[in-house]
Amino acid sequence: MIKKLQLLVRISRSHQIARRYFVVNGFDGALTMLGLLTGFYVAGTSDLQTVLNACVGAAVALGVSGISSAYISESAEKRQELESLEQSMIADLGDTAHGKAARFMPLVVALVNGMAPFLIAIIIIFPVWFSVWSPGVLNKPIEFSVLIAFCLIFLLGVFLGRVGGTFWLWSGLKALGVALLTGALILALSP
């Protein structure tokens, strides 16, 4: 089973696409949560259940959007690539490894695309969630969630630096700079 999956990934060259989607949509999920949490912080919201409901709603929407949009686009792309290959080879490749890859890998890529922002968002809002379940244990759950968002954004930048062969710290700091700029813009635009 694993060897078959490795073959399908190699044939379709989907590992690079999935990795790119993971980072891009993970970054989107982290920035979205950062934006929501910063907005709640600025508003002085003390109702953690409202914060949690809004953040979970956004996380689910990001996940569903990521899965559906990637599946629609990737399945169309893979179908077109398969048709082009079939025309070049003058053969039906539907039952071959290429055909299976064209049908299966868009689903894998779509799951990565949707699960990345969802899981990162859930990790970020965990302190808020924990505080709703166990009131009084964490003193400042929104601020703690914001700190987690900054850390995850930095780590996504580090990951990109390692993949791209650039200095990991510089890449992480650039990503963190984007997060800090986002937070600063939200604070500046808040009445």
N, C-alpha and C. Protein backbone atom coordinates (compact mmCIF):
# COMPACT_ATOMS: atom_id res chain seq x y z
N MET A 1 0.82 -1.20 0.00
CA MET A 1 0.00 0.00 0.00
C MET A 1 0.86 1.26 0.00
N ILE A 2 1.89 1.29 0.87
CA ILE A 2 2.77 2.46 0.94
C ILE A 2 3.55 2.61 -0.36
N LYS A 3 4.02 1.49 -0.92
CA LYS A 3 4.76 1.56 -2.18
C LYS A 3 3.87 2.07 -3.31
N LYS A 4 2.59 1.66 -3.31
CA LYS A 4 1.66 2.16 -4.32
C LYS A 4 1.46 3.66 -4.19
N LEU A 5 1.31 4.12 -2.95
CA LEU A 5 1.13 5.54 -2.71
C LEU A 5 2.38 6.32 -3.14
N GLN A 6 3.55 5.79 -2.82
CA GLN A 6 4.79 6.44 -3.24
C GLN A 6 4.88 6.53 -4.76
N LEU A 7 4.44 5.47 -5.44
CA LEU A 7 4.44 5.48 -6.91
C LEU A 7 3.50 6.55 -7.44
N LEU A 8 2.30 6.63 -6.88
CA LEU A 8 1.34 7.63 -7.33
C LEU A 8 1.84 9.05 -7.08
N VAL A 9 2.48 9.25 -5.94
CA VAL A 9 3.03 10.56 -5.62
C VAL A 9 4.15 10.91 -6.60
N ARG A 10 5.02 9.93 -6.89
CA ARG A 10 6.13 10.18 -7.81
C ARG A 10 5.63 10.46 -9.22
N ILE A 11 4.68 9.66 -9.67
CA ILE A 11 4.14 9.84 -11.03
C ILE A 11 3.50 11.21 -11.18
N SER A 12 2.72 11.61 -10.18
CA SER A 12 1.96 12.86 -10.28
C SER A 12 2.75 14.08 -9.84
N ARG A 13 3.91 13.86 -9.23
CA ARG A 13 4.73 14.96 -8.70
C ARG A 13 3.92 15.82 -7.72
N SER A 14 3.07 15.16 -6.94
CA SER A 14 2.16 15.87 -6.04
C SER A 14 2.77 16.26 -4.71
N HIS A 15 3.92 15.69 -4.35
CA HIS A 15 4.49 16.02 -3.05
C HIS A 15 4.88 17.49 -2.95
N GLN A 16 5.36 18.06 -4.05
CA GLN A 16 5.72 19.48 -4.03
C GLN A 16 4.48 20.36 -3.91
N ILE A 17 3.43 19.96 -4.62
CA ILE A 17 2.18 20.72 -4.57
C ILE A 17 1.60 20.65 -3.16
N ALA A 18 1.57 19.45 -2.58
CA ALA A 18 1.01 19.28 -1.24
C ALA A 18 1.81 20.07 -0.21
N ARG A 19 3.13 20.04 -0.32
CA ARG A 19 3.98 20.79 0.60
C ARG A 19 3.71 22.28 0.49
N ARG A 20 3.60 22.76 -0.74
CA ARG A 20 3.33 24.18 -0.97
C ARG A 20 1.96 24.56 -0.39
N TYR A 21 0.95 23.72 -0.65
CA TYR A 21 -0.39 23.99 -0.11
C TYR A 21 -0.39 23.96 1.41
N PHE A 22 0.36 23.03 2.00
CA PHE A 22 0.41 22.94 3.46
C PHE A 22 0.92 24.26 4.05
N VAL A 23 2.00 24.77 3.51
CA VAL A 23 2.60 25.99 4.05
C VAL A 23 1.72 27.19 3.77
N VAL A 24 1.26 27.33 2.53
CA VAL A 24 0.46 28.51 2.16
C VAL A 24 -0.83 28.54 2.98
N ASN A 25 -1.55 27.44 3.03
CA ASN A 25 -2.82 27.45 3.75
C ASN A 25 -2.62 27.37 5.26
N GLY A 26 -1.53 26.77 5.71
CA GLY A 26 -1.21 26.82 7.13
C GLY A 26 -0.96 28.25 7.56
N PHE A 27 -0.25 28.99 6.73
CA PHE A 27 0.01 30.41 6.98
C PHE A 27 -1.30 31.18 7.01
N ASP A 28 -2.20 30.89 6.06
CA ASP A 28 -3.51 31.54 6.03
C ASP A 28 -4.29 31.26 7.31
N GLY A 29 -4.28 30.01 7.75
CA GLY A 29 -4.98 29.64 8.97
C GLY A 29 -4.42 30.37 10.19
N ALA A 30 -3.10 30.44 10.26
CA ALA A 30 -2.46 31.10 11.40
C ALA A 30 -2.75 32.61 11.38
N LEU A 31 -2.66 33.24 10.22
CA LEU A 31 -2.93 34.68 10.15
C LEU A 31 -4.40 34.99 10.40
N THR A 32 -5.28 34.11 9.94
CA THR A 32 -6.71 34.32 10.19
C THR A 32 -6.99 34.27 11.69
N MET A 33 -6.43 33.27 12.37
CA MET A 33 -6.63 33.18 13.83
C MET A 33 -5.99 34.37 14.53
N LEU A 34 -4.81 34.76 14.08
CA LEU A 34 -4.15 35.92 14.66
C LEU A 34 -5.04 37.16 14.51
N GLY A 35 -5.63 37.32 13.34
CA GLY A 35 -6.52 38.46 13.10
C GLY A 35 -7.75 38.43 13.99
N LEU A 36 -8.39 37.28 14.08
CA LEU A 36 -9.57 37.16 14.93
C LEU A 36 -9.23 37.42 16.40
N LEU A 37 -8.18 36.78 16.88
CA LEU A 37 -7.80 36.92 18.28
C LEU A 37 -7.38 38.35 18.61
N THR A 38 -6.65 38.97 17.70
CA THR A 38 -6.25 40.36 17.93
C THR A 38 -7.47 41.26 17.95
N GLY A 39 -8.42 41.00 17.07
CA GLY A 39 -9.66 41.77 17.06
C GLY A 39 -10.44 41.62 18.36
N PHE A 40 -10.53 40.39 18.85
CA PHE A 40 -11.21 40.17 20.13
C PHE A 40 -10.46 40.85 21.28
N TYR A 41 -9.14 40.79 21.23
CA TYR A 41 -8.33 41.43 22.27
C TYR A 41 -8.57 42.94 22.29
N VAL A 42 -8.54 43.55 21.11
CA VAL A 42 -8.75 44.99 21.00
C VAL A 42 -10.15 45.37 21.47
N ALA A 43 -11.12 44.52 21.16
CA ALA A 43 -12.50 44.79 21.57
C ALA A 43 -12.72 44.60 23.06
N GLY A 44 -11.74 43.99 23.73
CA GLY A 44 -11.86 43.76 25.16
C GLY A 44 -12.85 42.66 25.50
N THR A 45 -13.04 41.74 24.59
CA THR A 45 -14.00 40.65 24.80
C THR A 45 -13.52 39.73 25.91
N SER A 46 -14.41 39.52 26.87
CA SER A 46 -14.08 38.59 27.95
C SER A 46 -14.89 37.30 27.85
N ASP A 47 -15.82 37.25 26.91
CA ASP A 47 -16.64 36.05 26.72
C ASP A 47 -15.87 35.06 25.85
N LEU A 48 -15.17 34.14 26.49
CA LEU A 48 -14.32 33.20 25.77
C LEU A 48 -15.12 32.23 24.90
N GLN A 49 -16.36 31.95 25.28
CA GLN A 49 -17.20 31.07 24.45
C GLN A 49 -17.46 31.71 23.09
N THR A 50 -17.68 33.02 23.06
CA THR A 50 -17.87 33.74 21.80
C THR A 50 -16.59 33.71 20.97
N VAL A 51 -15.47 33.95 21.62
CA VAL A 51 -14.17 33.89 20.93
C VAL A 51 -13.97 32.50 20.33
N LEU A 52 -14.22 31.48 21.13
CA LEU A 52 -14.03 30.10 20.67
C LEU A 52 -14.96 29.77 19.51
N ASN A 53 -16.23 30.15 19.62
CA ASN A 53 -17.18 29.85 18.55
C ASN A 53 -16.77 30.52 17.23
N ALA A 54 -16.35 31.77 17.31
CA ALA A 54 -15.94 32.48 16.10
C ALA A 54 -14.69 31.85 15.49
N CYS A 55 -13.73 31.50 16.32
CA CYS A 55 -12.49 30.91 15.83
C CYS A 55 -12.71 29.51 15.26
N VAL A 56 -13.52 28.71 15.92
CA VAL A 56 -13.82 27.37 15.39
C VAL A 56 -14.58 27.48 14.07
N GLY A 57 -15.52 28.42 14.01
CA GLY A 57 -16.24 28.63 12.76
C GLY A 57 -15.31 29.00 11.61
N ALA A 58 -14.37 29.89 11.89
CA ALA A 58 -13.39 30.28 10.87
C ALA A 58 -12.49 29.11 10.50
N ALA A 59 -12.08 28.31 11.49
CA ALA A 59 -11.21 27.15 11.22
C ALA A 59 -11.93 26.14 10.32
N VAL A 60 -13.19 25.87 10.63
CA VAL A 60 -13.96 24.93 9.81
C VAL A 60 -14.13 25.48 8.39
N ALA A 61 -14.44 26.76 8.28
CA ALA A 61 -14.61 27.37 6.95
C ALA A 61 -13.31 27.31 6.15
N LEU A 62 -12.18 27.59 6.79
CA LEU A 62 -10.89 27.49 6.11
C LEU A 62 -10.63 26.07 5.64
N GLY A 63 -10.94 25.09 6.49
CA GLY A 63 -10.73 23.69 6.13
C GLY A 63 -11.59 23.25 4.96
N VAL A 64 -12.88 23.56 5.02
CA VAL A 64 -13.80 23.17 3.94
C VAL A 64 -13.43 23.89 2.65
N SER A 65 -13.12 25.16 2.76
CA SER A 65 -12.72 25.93 1.58
C SER A 65 -11.45 25.34 0.96
N GLY A 66 -10.49 25.01 1.80
CA GLY A 66 -9.23 24.45 1.30
C GLY A 66 -9.42 23.12 0.62
N ILE A 67 -10.22 22.24 1.21
CA ILE A 67 -10.45 20.92 0.62
C ILE A 67 -11.19 21.05 -0.70
N SER A 68 -12.28 21.80 -0.69
CA SER A 68 -13.10 21.86 -1.91
C SER A 68 -12.40 22.60 -3.04
N SER A 69 -11.77 23.71 -2.75
CA SER A 69 -11.12 24.47 -3.83
C SER A 69 -9.94 23.70 -4.42
N ALA A 70 -9.15 23.07 -3.57
CA ALA A 70 -8.00 22.31 -4.08
C ALA A 70 -8.46 21.08 -4.85
N TYR A 71 -9.50 20.41 -4.38
CA TYR A 71 -9.96 19.22 -5.09
C TYR A 71 -10.48 19.59 -6.48
N ILE A 72 -11.26 20.65 -6.56
CA ILE A 72 -11.81 21.06 -7.85
C ILE A 72 -10.69 21.43 -8.82
N SER A 73 -9.74 22.24 -8.35
CA SER A 73 -8.67 22.70 -9.25
C SER A 73 -7.67 21.58 -9.57
N GLU A 74 -7.27 20.81 -8.55
CA GLU A 74 -6.28 19.76 -8.80
C GLU A 74 -6.83 18.62 -9.64
N SER A 75 -8.10 18.25 -9.43
CA SER A 75 -8.67 17.17 -10.25
C SER A 75 -8.78 17.62 -11.71
N ALA A 76 -9.11 18.89 -11.94
CA ALA A 76 -9.17 19.40 -13.31
C ALA A 76 -7.77 19.40 -13.94
N GLU A 77 -6.77 19.85 -13.17
CA GLU A 77 -5.40 19.87 -13.68
C GLU A 77 -4.90 18.45 -14.00
N LYS A 78 -5.11 17.52 -13.08
CA LYS A 78 -4.63 16.15 -13.29
C LYS A 78 -5.37 15.47 -14.44
N ARG A 79 -6.66 15.76 -14.57
CA ARG A 79 -7.44 15.21 -15.68
C ARG A 79 -6.88 15.73 -17.02
N GLN A 80 -6.56 17.02 -17.05
CA GLN A 80 -6.01 17.61 -18.27
C GLN A 80 -4.63 17.04 -18.57
N GLU A 81 -3.80 16.86 -17.55
CA GLU A 81 -2.48 16.26 -17.75
C GLU A 81 -2.59 14.83 -18.27
N LEU A 82 -3.54 14.06 -17.71
CA LEU A 82 -3.75 12.69 -18.16
C LEU A 82 -4.21 12.65 -19.61
N GLU A 83 -5.14 13.53 -19.97
CA GLU A 83 -5.63 13.57 -21.35
C GLU A 83 -4.50 13.93 -22.32
N SER A 84 -3.66 14.87 -21.91
CA SER A 84 -2.53 15.25 -22.75
C SER A 84 -1.57 14.08 -22.93
N LEU A 85 -1.30 13.36 -21.85
CA LEU A 85 -0.42 12.19 -21.92
C LEU A 85 -1.05 11.09 -22.78
N GLU A 86 -2.35 10.89 -22.65
CA GLU A 86 -3.04 9.88 -23.45
C GLU A 86 -2.97 10.22 -24.94
N GLN A 87 -3.12 11.51 -25.27
CA GLN A 87 -3.02 11.92 -26.67
C GLN A 87 -1.62 11.70 -27.21
N SER A 88 -0.62 11.97 -26.38
CA SER A 88 0.77 11.78 -26.81
C SER A 88 1.09 10.30 -27.03
N MET A 89 0.52 9.45 -26.18
CA MET A 89 0.80 8.02 -26.26
C MET A 89 -0.21 7.26 -27.12
N ILE A 90 -1.26 7.95 -27.52
CA ILE A 90 -2.34 7.35 -28.30
C ILE A 90 -2.83 6.07 -27.60
N ALA A 91 -3.16 6.22 -26.31
CA ALA A 91 -3.62 5.09 -25.51
C ALA A 91 -4.48 5.58 -24.36
N ASP A 92 -5.38 4.73 -23.94
CA ASP A 92 -6.21 5.01 -22.77
C ASP A 92 -5.42 4.60 -21.53
N LEU A 93 -5.16 5.57 -20.65
CA LEU A 93 -4.35 5.30 -19.46
C LEU A 93 -5.21 5.25 -18.19
N GLY A 94 -6.52 5.14 -18.34
CA GLY A 94 -7.42 5.17 -17.19
C GLY A 94 -7.15 4.10 -16.16
N ASP A 95 -6.77 2.90 -16.57
CA ASP A 95 -6.53 1.80 -15.62
C ASP A 95 -5.06 1.64 -15.25
N THR A 96 -4.22 2.55 -15.66
CA THR A 96 -2.79 2.47 -15.34
C THR A 96 -2.49 3.27 -14.07
N ALA A 97 -1.25 3.21 -13.65
CA ALA A 97 -0.83 3.98 -12.48
C ALA A 97 -1.02 5.47 -12.72
N HIS A 98 -0.82 5.92 -13.96
CA HIS A 98 -1.03 7.33 -14.28
C HIS A 98 -2.49 7.71 -14.11
N GLY A 99 -3.39 6.86 -14.54
CA GLY A 99 -4.81 7.12 -14.38
C GLY A 99 -5.21 7.13 -12.91
N LYS A 100 -4.70 6.18 -12.15
CA LYS A 100 -5.00 6.14 -10.72
C LYS A 100 -4.46 7.38 -10.01
N ALA A 101 -3.26 7.79 -10.39
CA ALA A 101 -2.67 8.99 -9.78
C ALA A 101 -3.51 10.23 -10.10
N ALA A 102 -4.00 10.31 -11.32
CA ALA A 102 -4.82 11.46 -11.72
C ALA A 102 -6.12 11.52 -10.93
N ARG A 103 -6.64 10.37 -10.52
CA ARG A 103 -7.89 10.34 -9.75
C ARG A 103 -7.66 10.46 -8.25
N PHE A 104 -6.60 9.85 -7.73
CA PHE A 104 -6.39 9.76 -6.29
C PHE A 104 -5.63 10.95 -5.70
N MET A 105 -4.61 11.43 -6.37
CA MET A 105 -3.76 12.46 -5.80
C MET A 105 -4.46 13.80 -5.59
N PRO A 106 -5.42 14.19 -6.43
CA PRO A 106 -6.15 15.44 -6.10
C PRO A 106 -6.84 15.37 -4.74
N LEU A 107 -7.32 14.19 -4.36
CA LEU A 107 -7.94 14.03 -3.05
C LEU A 107 -6.92 14.20 -1.94
N VAL A 108 -5.75 13.61 -2.10
CA VAL A 108 -4.68 13.74 -1.09
C VAL A 108 -4.25 15.20 -0.96
N VAL A 109 -4.03 15.84 -2.08
CA VAL A 109 -3.61 17.25 -2.07
C VAL A 109 -4.70 18.12 -1.44
N ALA A 110 -5.95 17.82 -1.76
CA ALA A 110 -7.07 18.59 -1.19
C ALA A 110 -7.14 18.42 0.32
N LEU A 111 -6.92 17.21 0.80
CA LEU A 111 -6.94 16.99 2.25
C LEU A 111 -5.82 17.77 2.94
N VAL A 112 -4.64 17.77 2.34
CA VAL A 112 -3.53 18.55 2.91
C VAL A 112 -3.88 20.03 2.90
N ASN A 113 -4.44 20.48 1.79
CA ASN A 113 -4.79 21.89 1.62
C ASN A 113 -5.82 22.34 2.66
N GLY A 114 -6.78 21.50 2.97
CA GLY A 114 -7.81 21.87 3.92
C GLY A 114 -7.44 21.61 5.37
N MET A 115 -6.71 20.54 5.60
CA MET A 115 -6.39 20.18 6.98
C MET A 115 -5.30 21.09 7.57
N ALA A 116 -4.43 21.63 6.75
CA ALA A 116 -3.36 22.50 7.26
C ALA A 116 -3.92 23.72 8.00
N PRO A 117 -4.79 24.53 7.38
CA PRO A 117 -5.27 25.69 8.13
C PRO A 117 -6.16 25.30 9.31
N PHE A 118 -6.93 24.21 9.14
CA PHE A 118 -7.80 23.76 10.22
C PHE A 118 -6.99 23.34 11.44
N LEU A 119 -6.01 22.47 11.24
CA LEU A 119 -5.22 21.98 12.37
C LEU A 119 -4.39 23.08 13.02
N ILE A 120 -3.81 23.94 12.21
CA ILE A 120 -3.02 25.04 12.78
C ILE A 120 -3.92 25.98 13.58
N ALA A 121 -5.12 26.23 13.06
CA ALA A 121 -6.07 27.08 13.79
C ALA A 121 -6.46 26.45 15.12
N ILE A 122 -6.71 25.15 15.11
CA ILE A 122 -7.09 24.45 16.35
C ILE A 122 -5.95 24.51 17.37
N ILE A 123 -4.72 24.33 16.91
CA ILE A 123 -3.58 24.43 17.83
C ILE A 123 -3.52 25.83 18.44
N ILE A 124 -3.72 26.84 17.61
CA ILE A 124 -3.64 28.22 18.09
C ILE A 124 -4.72 28.53 19.11
N ILE A 125 -5.93 28.07 18.89
CA ILE A 125 -7.02 28.43 19.80
C ILE A 125 -7.15 27.47 20.99
N PHE A 126 -6.24 26.51 21.09
CA PHE A 126 -6.33 25.56 22.20
C PHE A 126 -6.37 26.24 23.58
N PRO A 127 -5.56 27.27 23.85
CA PRO A 127 -5.65 27.91 25.17
C PRO A 127 -7.05 28.48 25.46
N VAL A 128 -7.70 29.03 24.44
CA VAL A 128 -9.05 29.55 24.63
C VAL A 128 -10.00 28.39 24.92
N TRP A 129 -9.86 27.33 24.14
CA TRP A 129 -10.69 26.14 24.32
C TRP A 129 -10.49 25.58 25.73
N PHE A 130 -9.25 25.47 26.13
CA PHE A 130 -8.94 24.94 27.46
C PHE A 130 -9.56 25.82 28.55
N SER A 131 -9.52 27.13 28.35
CA SER A 131 -10.07 28.06 29.34
C SER A 131 -11.60 27.98 29.42
N VAL A 132 -12.23 27.65 28.31
CA VAL A 132 -13.68 27.45 28.33
C VAL A 132 -14.01 26.18 29.12
N TRP A 133 -13.22 25.13 28.92
CA TRP A 133 -13.43 23.86 29.64
C TRP A 133 -13.05 23.96 31.11
N SER A 134 -11.95 24.66 31.39
CA SER A 134 -11.44 24.77 32.77
C SER A 134 -11.22 26.24 33.11
N PRO A 135 -12.28 26.95 33.43
CA PRO A 135 -12.15 28.39 33.71
C PRO A 135 -11.17 28.66 34.86
N GLY A 136 -10.41 29.73 34.69
CA GLY A 136 -9.52 30.17 35.75
C GLY A 136 -8.15 29.55 35.76
N VAL A 137 -7.90 28.52 34.95
CA VAL A 137 -6.60 27.87 34.94
C VAL A 137 -5.57 28.73 34.22
N LEU A 138 -5.93 29.23 33.05
CA LEU A 138 -5.05 30.13 32.30
C LEU A 138 -5.48 31.56 32.55
N ASN A 139 -4.52 32.43 32.83
CA ASN A 139 -4.83 33.80 33.16
C ASN A 139 -5.23 34.63 31.93
N LYS A 140 -4.51 34.48 30.83
CA LYS A 140 -4.77 35.29 29.63
C LYS A 140 -4.78 34.38 28.40
N PRO A 141 -5.86 33.64 28.17
CA PRO A 141 -5.87 32.66 27.08
C PRO A 141 -5.79 33.28 25.68
N ILE A 142 -6.39 34.44 25.49
CA ILE A 142 -6.33 35.07 24.17
C ILE A 142 -4.89 35.48 23.86
N GLU A 143 -4.22 36.08 24.81
CA GLU A 143 -2.84 36.49 24.60
C GLU A 143 -1.93 35.28 24.39
N PHE A 144 -2.20 34.20 25.11
CA PHE A 144 -1.43 32.98 24.95
C PHE A 144 -1.65 32.39 23.55
N SER A 145 -2.88 32.45 23.06
CA SER A 145 -3.17 31.97 21.71
C SER A 145 -2.46 32.81 20.65
N VAL A 146 -2.42 34.12 20.88
CA VAL A 146 -1.70 35.01 19.96
C VAL A 146 -0.21 34.65 19.93
N LEU A 147 0.36 34.37 21.09
CA LEU A 147 1.76 33.96 21.17
C LEU A 147 1.99 32.66 20.38
N ILE A 148 1.08 31.71 20.52
CA ILE A 148 1.19 30.45 19.76
C ILE A 148 1.12 30.73 18.27
N ALA A 149 0.24 31.64 17.87
CA ALA A 149 0.13 32.00 16.44
C ALA A 149 1.46 32.55 15.92
N PHE A 150 2.08 33.45 16.69
CA PHE A 150 3.38 33.99 16.28
C PHE A 150 4.43 32.89 16.16
N CYS A 151 4.44 31.98 17.11
CA CYS A 151 5.41 30.88 17.09
C CYS A 151 5.21 29.98 15.88
N LEU A 152 3.96 29.64 15.59
CA LEU A 152 3.70 28.76 14.44
C LEU A 152 4.02 29.44 13.12
N ILE A 153 3.74 30.72 13.03
CA ILE A 153 4.08 31.45 11.81
C ILE A 153 5.59 31.49 11.62
N PHE A 154 6.32 31.72 12.70
CA PHE A 154 7.78 31.68 12.65
C PHE A 154 8.25 30.30 12.17
N LEU A 155 7.68 29.23 12.73
CA LEU A 155 8.08 27.86 12.35
C LEU A 155 7.74 27.55 10.90
N LEU A 156 6.61 28.05 10.40
CA LEU A 156 6.30 27.87 8.97
C LEU A 156 7.35 28.57 8.12
N GLY A 157 7.79 29.74 8.54
CA GLY A 157 8.86 30.44 7.83
C GLY A 157 10.16 29.65 7.86
N VAL A 158 10.48 29.08 9.02
CA VAL A 158 11.68 28.24 9.14
C VAL A 158 11.59 27.06 8.17
N PHE A 159 10.43 26.42 8.14
CA PHE A 159 10.22 25.29 7.23
C PHE A 159 10.44 25.70 5.78
N LEU A 160 9.89 26.84 5.40
CA LEU A 160 10.09 27.33 4.03
C LEU A 160 11.56 27.61 3.74
N GLY A 161 12.26 28.14 4.71
CA GLY A 161 13.68 28.40 4.53
C GLY A 161 14.46 27.12 4.32
N ARG A 162 14.11 26.09 5.08
CA ARG A 162 14.80 24.79 4.92
C ARG A 162 14.49 24.18 3.56
N VAL A 163 13.24 24.26 3.14
CA VAL A 163 12.85 23.71 1.83
C VAL A 163 13.53 24.48 0.71
N GLY A 164 13.55 25.80 0.84
CA GLY A 164 14.11 26.65 -0.20
C GLY A 164 15.62 26.77 -0.18
N GLY A 165 16.27 26.19 0.84
CA GLY A 165 17.71 26.25 0.91
C GLY A 165 18.25 27.60 1.35
N THR A 166 17.42 28.40 2.01
CA THR A 166 17.87 29.69 2.52
C THR A 166 18.09 29.57 4.03
N PHE A 167 18.69 30.58 4.60
CA PHE A 167 18.98 30.57 6.02
C PHE A 167 17.67 30.51 6.79
N TRP A 168 17.50 29.48 7.59
CA TRP A 168 16.23 29.21 8.27
C TRP A 168 15.79 30.33 9.19
N LEU A 169 16.73 30.94 9.89
CA LEU A 169 16.38 31.99 10.83
C LEU A 169 15.84 33.22 10.10
N TRP A 170 16.49 33.58 9.02
CA TRP A 170 16.05 34.75 8.24
C TRP A 170 14.65 34.50 7.69
N SER A 171 14.41 33.31 7.18
CA SER A 171 13.09 32.97 6.63
C SER A 171 12.03 33.00 7.73
N GLY A 172 12.36 32.47 8.90
CA GLY A 172 11.43 32.50 10.02
C GLY A 172 11.13 33.92 10.48
N LEU A 173 12.16 34.76 10.51
CA LEU A 173 11.97 36.15 10.92
C LEU A 173 11.14 36.93 9.91
N LYS A 174 11.29 36.62 8.61
CA LYS A 174 10.46 37.29 7.61
C LYS A 174 8.99 36.93 7.81
N ALA A 175 8.72 35.66 8.05
CA ALA A 175 7.34 35.22 8.29
C ALA A 175 6.79 35.89 9.56
N LEU A 176 7.62 35.94 10.59
CA LEU A 176 7.21 36.59 11.84
C LEU A 176 6.95 38.08 11.61
N GLY A 177 7.74 38.69 10.75
CA GLY A 177 7.53 40.09 10.41
C GLY A 177 6.17 40.33 9.78
N VAL A 178 5.74 39.41 8.92
CA VAL A 178 4.41 39.51 8.31
C VAL A 178 3.34 39.43 9.40
N ALA A 179 3.52 38.52 10.35
CA ALA A 179 2.55 38.37 11.44
C ALA A 179 2.51 39.63 12.31
N LEU A 180 3.68 40.18 12.62
CA LEU A 180 3.73 41.40 13.42
C LEU A 180 3.10 42.57 12.69
N LEU A 181 3.34 42.66 11.39
CA LEU A 181 2.72 43.72 10.59
C LEU A 181 1.20 43.56 10.58
N THR A 182 0.73 42.32 10.45
CA THR A 182 -0.71 42.06 10.48
C THR A 182 -1.32 42.53 11.80
N GLY A 183 -0.69 42.13 12.89
CA GLY A 183 -1.17 42.55 14.21
C GLY A 183 -1.16 44.07 14.37
N ALA A 184 -0.08 44.70 13.90
CA ALA A 184 0.04 46.15 13.99
C ALA A 184 -1.04 46.86 13.17
N LEU A 185 -1.32 46.33 11.98
CA LEU A 185 -2.39 46.94 11.16
C LEU A 185 -3.74 46.83 11.84
N ILE A 186 -4.01 45.67 12.43
CA ILE A 186 -5.28 45.51 13.13
C ILE A 186 -5.39 46.48 14.30
N LEU A 187 -4.31 46.60 15.05
CA LEU A 187 -4.30 47.55 16.18
C LEU A 187 -4.46 48.99 15.69
N ALA A 188 -3.79 49.33 14.59
CA ALA A 188 -3.85 50.71 14.08
C ALA A 188 -5.23 51.05 13.52
N LEU A 189 -5.90 50.06 12.94
CA LEU A 189 -7.20 50.33 12.33
C LEU A 189 -8.36 50.22 13.31
N SER A 190 -8.07 49.76 14.51
CA SER A 190 -9.14 49.61 15.51
C SER A 190 -9.47 50.96 16.13
N PRO A 191 -10.76 51.25 16.26
CA PRO A 191 -11.16 52.57 16.84
C PRO A 191 -10.84 52.66 18.32
